[in-house]
Protein backbone atom coordinates (compact mmCIF):
# COMPACT_ATOMS: atom_id res chain seq x y z
CA UNK A 1 33.62 34.82 33.84
CA UNK A 2 31.67 36.48 31.02
CA UNK A 3 33.08 36.39 27.51
CA UNK A 4 32.31 40.07 27.10
CA UNK A 5 33.21 41.89 30.29
CA UNK A 6 32.96 45.47 29.06
CA UNK A 7 30.48 46.21 26.29
CA UNK A 8 28.63 44.96 23.26
CA UNK A 9 30.38 45.52 19.94
CA UNK A 10 28.87 48.11 17.64
CA UNK A 11 28.57 47.87 13.89
CA UNK A 12 27.66 45.61 11.02
CA UNK A 13 28.93 42.04 10.81
CA UNK A 14 28.46 39.71 7.82
CA UNK A 15 28.14 35.94 7.78
CA UNK A 16 31.34 34.38 6.49
CA UNK A 17 29.85 31.70 4.22
CA UNK A 18 33.10 29.74 4.04
CA UNK A 19 33.13 29.30 7.85
CA UNK A 20 29.38 29.13 8.53
CA UNK A 21 26.73 26.42 8.12
CA UNK A 22 22.96 26.37 7.64
CA UNK A 23 21.75 22.84 8.35
CA UNK A 24 18.45 21.04 8.86
CA UNK A 25 17.51 17.61 10.15
CA UNK A 26 14.21 15.80 9.63
CA UNK A 27 12.97 12.36 10.56
CA UNK A 28 11.74 10.06 7.78
CA UNK A 29 9.92 6.74 8.24
CA UNK A 30 10.13 7.27 12.01
CA UNK A 31 13.68 5.92 12.19
CA UNK A 32 15.85 7.63 9.56
CA UNK A 33 17.17 11.17 9.87
CA UNK A 34 17.74 13.13 6.70
CA UNK A 35 20.45 15.75 7.13
CA UNK A 36 20.71 18.65 4.75
CA UNK A 37 22.22 22.06 4.31
CA UNK A 38 22.06 25.17 2.18
CA UNK A 39 25.33 25.91 0.40
CA UNK A 40 24.48 29.49 -0.59
CA UNK A 41 23.30 31.92 2.04
CA UNK A 42 24.03 35.35 3.40
CA UNK A 43 23.32 37.32 6.51
CA UNK A 44 24.15 40.35 8.59
CA UNK A 45 24.15 41.22 12.25
CA UNK A 46 23.94 44.86 13.24
CA UNK A 47 25.10 45.21 16.84
CA UNK A 48 23.39 48.07 18.64
CA UNK A 49 24.98 49.63 21.77
CA UNK A 50 21.91 48.20 23.57
CA UNK A 51 22.37 44.53 22.67
CA UNK A 52 18.64 43.72 22.81
CA UNK A 53 18.09 46.22 19.98
CA UNK A 54 20.58 44.50 17.66
CA UNK A 55 19.23 43.14 14.36
CA UNK A 56 19.78 40.01 12.31
CA UNK A 57 18.79 39.29 8.71
CA UNK A 58 19.57 36.18 6.70
CA UNK A 59 18.55 34.36 3.54
CA UNK A 60 19.25 31.01 1.92
CA UNK A 61 18.96 30.11 -1.75
CA UNK A 62 16.65 27.14 -2.30
CA UNK A 63 18.71 26.09 -5.34
CA UNK A 64 21.63 25.36 -3.03
CA UNK A 65 19.88 22.68 -0.95
CA UNK A 66 22.12 19.64 -0.46
CA UNK A 67 21.24 16.34 1.22
CA UNK A 68 23.99 14.30 -0.46
CA UNK A 69 21.34 12.76 -2.72
CA UNK A 70 20.84 14.53 -6.07
CA UNK A 71 17.42 12.99 -6.82
CA UNK A 72 16.13 13.93 -3.35
CA UNK A 73 17.57 17.45 -3.76
CA UNK A 74 15.77 17.80 -7.10
CA UNK A 75 12.53 16.67 -5.46
CA UNK A 76 12.98 19.10 -2.55
CA UNK A 77 13.32 21.95 -5.06
CA UNK A 78 10.09 20.90 -6.82
CA UNK A 79 6.53 22.09 -6.26
CA UNK A 80 6.05 19.19 -3.79
CA UNK A 81 8.34 20.91 -1.28
CA UNK A 82 10.04 24.33 -1.68
CA UNK A 83 8.82 25.16 -5.22
CA UNK A 84 12.11 26.82 -6.18
CA UNK A 85 10.72 28.11 -9.50
CA UNK A 86 8.29 30.39 -7.63
CA UNK A 87 10.20 30.92 -4.38
CA UNK A 88 13.95 31.17 -4.85
CA UNK A 89 14.86 32.11 -1.25
CA UNK A 90 13.85 31.70 2.34
CA UNK A 91 14.47 34.64 4.65
CA UNK A 92 14.72 35.52 8.33
CA UNK A 93 14.41 38.97 9.88
CA UNK A 94 14.73 39.49 13.61
CA UNK A 95 12.11 41.36 15.63
CA UNK A 96 13.71 41.28 19.07
CA UNK A 97 16.42 39.73 21.22
CA UNK A 98 15.98 38.52 24.79
CA UNK A 99 18.99 37.77 26.96
CA UNK A 100 22.59 38.86 26.85
CA UNK A 101 25.49 38.60 24.42
CA UNK A 102 26.45 35.15 25.73
CA UNK A 103 23.11 33.29 25.61
CA UNK A 104 19.95 34.74 24.11
CA UNK A 105 16.68 34.13 22.29
CA UNK A 106 16.50 35.54 18.77
CA UNK A 107 12.86 36.09 17.85
CA UNK A 108 11.95 36.91 14.29
CA UNK A 109 10.04 36.16 11.14
CA UNK A 110 10.97 33.19 8.97
CA UNK A 111 9.52 33.31 5.47
CA UNK A 112 9.33 30.20 3.31
CA UNK A 113 7.16 30.12 0.17
CA UNK A 114 5.86 33.63 1.03
CA UNK A 115 4.46 32.30 4.31
CA UNK A 116 5.83 34.13 7.33
CA UNK A 117 5.83 32.67 10.83
CA UNK A 118 7.49 33.82 14.02
CA UNK A 119 10.29 31.53 15.21
CA UNK A 120 12.54 31.59 18.25
CA UNK A 121 16.18 30.61 17.91
CA UNK A 122 18.13 29.65 21.02
CA UNK A 123 21.57 31.18 20.49
CA UNK A 124 24.87 30.64 22.19
CA UNK A 125 27.86 32.88 21.58
CA UNK A 126 30.86 30.57 21.21
CA UNK A 127 33.37 33.38 21.51
CA UNK A 128 35.10 36.15 19.71
CA UNK A 129 38.39 36.41 17.92
CA UNK A 130 40.57 39.38 17.00
CA UNK A 131 39.37 41.76 19.71
CA UNK A 132 35.65 41.66 18.90
CA UNK A 133 36.09 41.78 15.12
CA UNK A 134 34.72 38.23 14.66
CA UNK A 135 32.09 36.18 16.50
CA UNK A 136 30.90 32.59 16.42
CA UNK A 137 27.29 31.72 17.21
CA UNK A 138 25.31 28.50 17.33
CA UNK A 139 21.57 28.99 16.82
CA UNK A 140 18.90 26.30 16.91
CA UNK A 141 15.15 26.08 16.48
CA UNK A 142 12.43 23.66 15.46
CA UNK A 143 9.77 24.49 12.91
CA UNK A 144 6.71 22.69 11.56
CA UNK A 145 7.06 22.21 7.81
CA UNK A 146 3.26 22.13 7.40
CA UNK A 147 3.14 25.71 8.74
CA UNK A 148 4.97 26.72 5.55
CA UNK A 149 2.77 24.68 3.19
CA UNK A 150 5.37 21.91 2.80
CA UNK A 151 2.98 18.99 3.21
CA UNK A 152 4.23 16.33 0.81
CA UNK A 153 4.96 12.87 2.20
CA UNK A 154 3.11 11.09 4.99
CA UNK A 155 6.24 9.28 6.26
CA UNK A 156 8.15 12.53 6.79
CA UNK A 157 7.99 14.20 10.20
CA UNK A 158 6.34 17.60 10.44
CA UNK A 159 9.10 18.71 12.82
CA UNK A 160 12.28 20.11 11.25
CA UNK A 161 15.33 20.92 13.36
CA UNK A 162 17.36 23.88 12.12
CA UNK A 163 20.93 24.48 13.26
CA UNK A 164 23.06 27.44 12.25
CA UNK A 165 26.76 27.80 12.94
CA UNK A 166 27.55 31.40 12.15
CA UNK A 167 30.97 32.97 11.88
CA UNK A 168 30.32 36.71 11.69
CA UNK A 169 33.03 39.14 10.61
CA UNK A 170 33.02 42.91 11.03
CA UNK A 171 31.97 44.20 7.61
CA UNK A 172 34.74 46.81 7.51
CA UNK A 173 37.24 43.92 7.69
CA UNK A 174 35.36 41.46 5.50
CA UNK A 175 36.33 40.55 1.97
CA UNK A 176 33.35 38.18 1.72
CA UNK A 177 30.98 40.71 0.18
CA UNK A 178 27.97 38.97 1.75
């Protein structure tokens, strides 16, 4: 039975940062996985009556990168990787949605270090709470770090797995201010 039997919600929803996660995973030395996250991020979803015309925008602050290793975090913020001094944020802006409210592809532009590439997130709606006033999504994609001019380190995989767990709250009910 579908989660959303009647219609798509309408309106603006904001990411609840306290209940959401922006994580990445990358292989190092061929055997170790480095897990990281961004602690400061924001985003909005604008649900259109025609779901496929809905829009998503998000950003993450490079200064908030956290891999549970302060020296690695400092290096990731440096010119060798994200170059936080020049590029303080990474952003995503959707271009289109394919599928339905339950399972869909979110296609859009990811910008890192002023380099923009199209990415495709596979998204699953994990359900709604409070009569369509809150939603939970899991979105995943893989990117190539070299596509964004992040080329440092020959032992680090080019492939980066990105996983987002988004708790979106209707903006009229949100006290988050995101």
